[in-house]
Amino acid sequence: MAKKVSKNSRVGKRAANAGSGKDFVKVVKPVKDEKTGKYTYKESFVHKDSVKEFFAKS
């Protein structure tokens, strides 16, 4: 049977992987269709530092 890894050990590994996928977030932006007036949603994964730029551009 495998030995359980302590929480403190996992925290150290998380700090070592600081540049991994934890820095990206999923954002959903509603886009209105000019013809019908219905909304579609644009989904994307962006870096958490550039979320405001994603919503600023049209």
C-alpha atoms as a PDB file:
ATOM      1  CA  MET A   1       0.000   0.000   0.000  1.00  0.00           C
ATOM      2  CA  ALA A   2       1.318   3.444  -0.912  1.00  0.00           C
ATOM      3  CA  LYS A   3       2.277   5.845   1.823  1.00  0.00           C
ATOM      4  CA  LYS A   4       0.190   9.034   2.014  1.00  0.00           C
ATOM      5  CA  VAL A   5       2.045  12.258   1.146  1.00  0.00           C
ATOM      6  CA  SER A   6       1.751  14.977   3.763  1.00  0.00           C
ATOM      7  CA  LYS A   7       0.106  18.301   2.982  1.00  0.00           C
ATOM      8  CA  ASN A   8       3.310  20.216   3.712  1.00  0.00           C
ATOM      9  CA  SER A   9       5.148  18.156   1.120  1.00  0.00           C
ATOM     10  CA  ARG A  10       2.525  18.982  -1.512  1.00  0.00           C
ATOM     11  CA  VAL A  11       2.761  22.714  -0.745  1.00  0.00           C
ATOM     12  CA  GLY A  12       6.473  22.634  -1.535  1.00  0.00           C
ATOM     13  CA  LYS A  13       5.828  20.913  -4.852  1.00  0.00           C
ATOM     14  CA  ARG A  14       3.194  23.502  -5.727  1.00  0.00           C
ATOM     15  CA  ALA A  15       5.684  26.333  -5.202  1.00  0.00           C
ATOM     16  CA  ALA A  16       8.147  24.559  -7.496  1.00  0.00           C
ATOM     17  CA  ASN A  17       5.513  24.461 -10.259  1.00  0.00           C
ATOM     18  CA  ALA A  18       4.657  28.160 -10.005  1.00  0.00           C
ATOM     19  CA  GLY A  19       4.752  28.690 -13.790  1.00  0.00           C
ATOM     20  CA  SER A  20       2.361  25.860 -14.538  1.00  0.00           C
ATOM     21  CA  GLY A  21      -1.302  25.935 -15.583  1.00  0.00           C
ATOM     22  CA  LYS A  22      -2.426  27.454 -12.286  1.00  0.00           C
ATOM     23  CA  ASP A  23      -1.696  30.878 -13.814  1.00  0.00           C
ATOM     24  CA  PHE A  24      -4.376  30.506 -16.505  1.00  0.00           C
ATOM     25  CA  VAL A  25      -8.091  31.078 -16.044  1.00  0.00           C
ATOM     26  CA  LYS A  26     -11.133  30.391 -18.208  1.00  0.00           C
ATOM     27  CA  VAL A  27     -13.030  33.513 -19.230  1.00  0.00           C
ATOM     28  CA  VAL A  28     -16.416  33.698 -20.941  1.00  0.00           C
ATOM     29  CA  LYS A  29     -17.431  36.808 -22.861  1.00  0.00           C
ATOM     30  CA  PRO A  30     -20.954  37.361 -24.227  1.00  0.00           C
ATOM     31  CA  VAL A  31     -21.050  38.582 -27.849  1.00  0.00           C
ATOM     32  CA  LYS A  32     -24.299  39.958 -29.263  1.00  0.00           C
ATOM     33  CA  ASP A  33     -25.195  39.111 -32.877  1.00  0.00           C
ATOM     34  CA  GLU A  34     -26.103  42.263 -34.809  1.00  0.00           C
ATOM     35  CA  LYS A  35     -28.675  40.548 -37.056  1.00  0.00           C
ATOM     36  CA  THR A  36     -30.683  38.499 -34.599  1.00  0.00           C
ATOM     37  CA  GLY A  37     -29.880  40.173 -31.286  1.00  0.00           C
ATOM     38  CA  LYS A  38     -29.038  36.818 -29.715  1.00  0.00           C
ATOM     39  CA  TYR A  39     -25.998  36.292 -27.554  1.00  0.00           C
ATOM     40  CA  THR A  40     -23.234  33.790 -28.172  1.00  0.00           C
ATOM     41  CA  TYR A  41     -20.435  33.173 -25.736  1.00  0.00           C
ATOM     42  CA  LYS A  42     -16.738  33.282 -26.514  1.00  0.00           C
ATOM     43  CA  GLU A  43     -14.757  31.032 -24.168  1.00  0.00           C
ATOM     44  CA  SER A  44     -11.010  31.239 -23.842  1.00  0.00           C
ATOM     45  CA  PHE A  45      -8.158  30.394 -21.486  1.00  0.00           C
ATOM     46  CA  VAL A  46      -5.982  33.433 -20.781  1.00  0.00           C
ATOM     47  CA  HIS A  47      -3.230  34.249 -18.323  1.00  0.00           C
ATOM     48  CA  LYS A  48      -4.620  35.713 -15.137  1.00  0.00           C
ATOM     49  CA  ASP A  49      -2.640  38.938 -15.655  1.00  0.00           C
ATOM     50  CA  SER A  50      -4.284  39.628 -19.031  1.00  0.00           C
ATOM     51  CA  VAL A  51      -7.952  39.124 -18.151  1.00  0.00           C
ATOM     52  CA  LYS A  52      -8.784  42.849 -18.292  1.00  0.00           C
ATOM     53  CA  GLU A  53      -7.247  43.143 -21.777  1.00  0.00           C
ATOM     54  CA  PHE A  54      -9.390  40.210 -22.959  1.00  0.00           C
ATOM     55  CA  PHE A  55     -12.576  41.985 -21.921  1.00  0.00           C
ATOM     56  CA  ALA A  56     -11.380  45.409 -23.148  1.00  0.00           C
ATOM     57  CA  LYS A  57     -10.895  44.348 -26.773  1.00  0.00           C
ATOM     58  CA  SER A  58     -14.038  43.973 -28.856  1.00  0.00           C
END
